[in-house]
C-alpha cells in the first residue's frame, strides 16, 4: 500500500479479504506502527464464499514521515489452519499522478506484500472435518444437558434409577462444559 502525503484521497486504502471456502474464516490485523494508522474492523470473521473490506487510514502524513515503511500482518484462521500475510505500507511525498508513467505505477524496491510460509495450506476437504467437529460439539452439548437434568445423588424421591443420580461436582463440570460449547457455537 502506498500513501501519498499531498493527495488526500490516498490517505485511505481499502483491502479486500476474500473467503472462497465453505466455512467461516476469522482474521486479525496487526501493525508495526499502530499510532500512524487506523484500521476499521481490524478483527472479525468472513462468512463462507464472501468478502470483507478493511479500510486502512494513514493518520500522520507530515513530511518527517515521508519514505517511512511500516508492516501490517494479516492472520487468517479457519478449518483448523492458520495463514499469515505481510503487507507493506509506505508514505511518499507528492501525488500519485507524479509516480505513474504510461498508466503504470512505478514498482517499489520491495514487494508490497510478501507471502510468509503458513503453518499449513487450507485444503479443500477441511469443510468435512469442520462438520465432524460440529457433530462432536452437538453430542457433547446434548450429553451435558442430559446430565444436568438428572437428579442429584441426595434426592431420594425420584422415578429415575439410583445409579443415574449424579453428584453436584458432576453437574458443575457439565454446566461449565456446556458454557464452553455454547461459546464455540456463538463464535
Protein backbone atom coordinates (compact mmCIF):
# COMPACT_ATOMS: atom_id res chain seq x y z
CA UNK A 1 0.00 0.00 0.00
CA UNK A 2 1.33 3.40 -0.90
CA UNK A 3 0.04 6.58 0.71
CA UNK A 4 0.79 9.97 -0.86
CA UNK A 5 1.12 12.91 1.52
CA UNK A 6 -0.19 15.58 -0.85
CA UNK A 7 -3.09 13.55 -2.21
CA UNK A 8 -5.81 13.46 0.42
CA UNK A 9 -7.77 10.69 -1.33
CA UNK A 10 -4.79 8.33 -0.97
CA UNK A 11 -4.68 8.67 2.84
CA UNK A 12 -7.29 5.90 2.88
CA UNK A 13 -6.77 2.49 1.26
CA UNK A 14 -9.14 -0.45 1.07
CA UNK A 15 -8.00 -4.07 1.47
CA UNK A 16 -10.50 -6.73 0.41
CA UNK A 17 -10.33 -10.17 2.03
CA UNK A 18 -11.98 -12.98 0.08
CA UNK A 19 -13.14 -16.29 1.54
CA UNK A 20 -13.52 -18.89 -1.23
CA UNK A 21 -14.09 -21.74 1.24
CA UNK A 22 -17.30 -23.35 2.50
CA UNK A 23 -16.58 -22.41 6.12
CA UNK A 24 -16.15 -19.18 8.05
CA UNK A 25 -12.69 -17.64 8.40
CA UNK A 26 -11.61 -15.35 11.21
CA UNK A 27 -8.97 -12.67 10.74
CA UNK A 28 -6.91 -10.23 12.75
CA UNK A 29 -4.63 -7.45 11.53
CA UNK A 30 -1.58 -6.12 13.39
CA UNK A 31 0.65 -3.17 12.55
CA UNK A 32 4.24 -2.25 13.43
CA UNK A 33 3.16 1.39 13.96
CA UNK A 34 -0.42 1.44 15.28
CA UNK A 35 -0.23 5.14 16.19
CA UNK A 36 0.15 6.06 12.49
CA UNK A 37 -2.79 4.03 11.16
CA UNK A 38 -6.42 3.38 11.90
CA UNK A 39 -7.91 0.12 10.61
CA UNK A 40 -11.67 -0.18 10.53
CA UNK A 41 -12.62 -3.68 11.71
CA UNK A 42 -9.09 -4.95 12.32
CA UNK A 43 -10.54 -8.17 13.71
CA UNK A 44 -13.55 -10.17 12.63
CA UNK A 45 -14.81 -13.03 10.51
CA UNK A 46 -15.65 -13.67 6.88
CA UNK A 47 -18.64 -15.83 6.03
CA UNK A 48 -18.23 -18.70 3.58
CA UNK A 49 -17.98 -17.62 -0.08
CA UNK A 50 -17.96 -13.94 0.90
CA UNK A 51 -15.61 -10.97 1.27
CA UNK A 52 -14.88 -8.14 3.71
CA UNK A 53 -13.41 -4.70 3.02
CA UNK A 54 -10.89 -3.33 5.53
CA UNK A 55 -10.26 0.41 5.44
CA UNK A 56 -6.71 1.47 6.37
CA UNK A 57 -6.29 5.20 7.06
CA UNK A 58 -2.91 6.92 7.47
CA UNK A 59 -3.16 9.36 10.41
CA UNK A 60 0.09 11.37 10.17
CA UNK A 61 1.27 12.40 6.69
CA UNK A 62 3.71 15.10 7.81
CA UNK A 63 6.98 15.47 5.79
CA UNK A 64 9.10 13.98 8.59
CA UNK A 65 7.44 10.59 7.89
CA UNK A 66 7.90 10.58 4.10
CA UNK A 67 9.67 7.42 3.00
CA UNK A 68 8.64 5.59 6.15
CA UNK A 69 7.79 1.92 5.59
CA UNK A 70 5.58 0.01 8.02
CA UNK A 71 4.25 -3.51 8.02
CA UNK A 72 0.80 -4.92 8.54
CA UNK A 73 0.40 -8.58 9.37
CA UNK A 74 -2.86 -10.27 8.46
CA UNK A 75 -3.54 -13.56 10.23
CA UNK A 76 -6.37 -15.71 8.93
CA UNK A 77 -7.72 -18.77 10.77
CA UNK A 78 -10.21 -21.32 9.59
CA UNK A 79 -10.72 -25.03 9.18
CA UNK A 80 -8.12 -25.77 11.84
CA UNK A 81 -5.37 -23.95 9.89
CA UNK A 82 -3.58 -20.61 10.20
CA UNK A 83 -2.22 -18.41 7.41
CA UNK A 84 -0.31 -15.13 7.57
CA UNK A 85 0.49 -12.42 5.08
CA UNK A 86 2.59 -9.31 5.48
CA UNK A 87 1.55 -6.13 3.71
CA UNK A 88 3.99 -3.24 3.37
CA UNK A 89 2.81 0.34 3.67
CA UNK A 90 4.85 3.36 2.60
CA UNK A 91 4.22 7.08 2.89
CA UNK A 92 5.54 9.14 -0.02
CA UNK A 93 5.59 12.85 -0.69
CA UNK A 94 3.87 14.26 -3.74
CA UNK A 95 0.84 12.90 -5.53
CA UNK A 96 0.04 9.60 -7.14
CA UNK A 97 -0.02 11.04 -10.69
CA UNK A 98 3.64 12.07 -10.36
CA UNK A 99 4.55 8.46 -9.65
CA UNK A 100 2.77 6.99 -12.69
CA UNK A 101 4.40 6.54 -16.08
CA UNK A 102 2.36 5.43 -19.06
CA UNK A 103 -0.58 4.44 -16.87
CA UNK A 104 1.51 2.04 -14.80
CA UNK A 105 2.63 2.64 -11.24
CA UNK A 106 6.36 2.54 -10.54
CA UNK A 107 7.41 -0.63 -8.75
CA UNK A 108 8.51 -0.42 -5.13
CA UNK A 109 12.03 -1.55 -4.25
CA UNK A 110 10.43 -4.28 -2.08
CA UNK A 111 7.28 -6.20 -2.88
CA UNK A 112 4.14 -4.58 -1.47
CA UNK A 113 3.04 -7.85 0.02
CA UNK A 114 5.05 -10.90 0.77
CA UNK A 115 3.55 -14.31 1.41
CA UNK A 116 5.01 -15.86 4.50
CA UNK A 117 5.15 -19.59 4.94
CA UNK A 118 1.93 -20.73 6.50
CA UNK A 119 1.70 -23.47 9.06
CA UNK A 120 -0.30 -25.46 6.53
CA UNK A 121 -2.29 -24.71 3.41
CA UNK A 122 -6.06 -24.77 3.71
CA UNK A 123 -7.09 -27.98 1.98
CA UNK A 124 -10.37 -28.28 0.11
CA UNK A 125 -11.53 -31.12 2.36
CA UNK A 126 -11.42 -29.03 5.55
CA UNK A 127 -15.18 -28.45 5.43
CA UNK A 128 -15.75 -32.17 6.08
CA UNK A 129 -13.57 -32.07 9.17
CA UNK A 130 -15.34 -28.94 10.28
CA UNK A 131 -18.72 -30.69 10.00
CA UNK A 132 -17.46 -33.60 12.10
CA UNK A 133 -16.18 -31.15 14.72
CA UNK A 134 -19.63 -29.57 14.87
CA UNK A 135 -21.15 -33.04 15.33
CA UNK A 136 -18.86 -33.68 18.31
CA UNK A 137 -19.80 -30.30 19.83
CA UNK A 138 -23.51 -31.06 19.44
CA UNK A 139 -23.07 -34.51 21.00
CA UNK A 140 -21.17 -33.03 23.97
CA UNK A 141 -23.86 -30.36 24.42
CA UNK A 142 -26.66 -32.95 24.41
CA UNK A 143 -24.75 -35.11 26.91
CA UNK A 144 -24.19 -32.13 29.24
CA UNK A 145 -27.86 -31.10 29.10
CA UNK A 146 -28.90 -34.69 29.83
CA UNK A 147 -26.59 -34.90 32.87
CA UNK A 148 -27.86 -31.54 34.13
CA UNK A 149 -31.45 -32.84 34.00
CA UNK A 150 -30.63 -35.93 36.10
CA UNK A 151 -31.43 -35.78 39.83
CA UNK A 152 -28.77 -35.24 42.49
CA UNK A 153 -27.49 -38.22 44.45
CA UNK A 154 -29.13 -36.73 47.57
CA UNK A 155 -32.63 -36.90 46.05
CA UNK A 156 -34.45 -39.97 47.34
CA UNK A 157 -37.93 -39.37 45.88
CA UNK A 158 -37.23 -39.89 42.20
CA UNK A 159 -38.52 -42.13 39.45
CA UNK A 160 -35.02 -42.29 37.95
CA UNK A 161 -32.96 -45.35 38.96
CA UNK A 162 -30.44 -44.69 41.73
CA UNK A 163 -27.42 -45.45 39.52
CA UNK A 164 -28.37 -42.48 37.28
CA UNK A 165 -28.17 -39.93 40.12
CA UNK A 166 -25.19 -37.57 39.81
CA UNK A 167 -23.14 -35.51 42.24
CA UNK A 168 -23.04 -31.73 42.47
CA UNK A 169 -19.47 -31.70 41.14
CA UNK A 170 -20.53 -33.69 38.07
CA UNK A 171 -23.29 -31.16 37.39
CA UNK A 172 -20.86 -28.26 37.82
CA UNK A 173 -18.44 -29.82 35.33
CA UNK A 174 -21.26 -30.37 32.84
CA UNK A 175 -22.52 -26.80 33.26
CA UNK A 176 -19.01 -25.44 32.68
CA UNK A 177 -18.51 -27.67 29.62
CA UNK A 178 -21.89 -26.64 28.24
CA UNK A 179 -20.86 -23.00 28.60
CA UNK A 180 -17.65 -23.65 26.65
CA UNK A 181 -19.54 -25.49 23.91
CA UNK A 182 -22.05 -22.62 23.75
CA UNK A 183 -19.15 -20.21 23.16
CA UNK A 184 -17.99 -22.41 20.27
CA UNK A 185 -21.50 -22.29 18.76
CA UNK A 186 -21.73 -18.50 19.11
CA UNK A 187 -18.31 -17.84 17.59
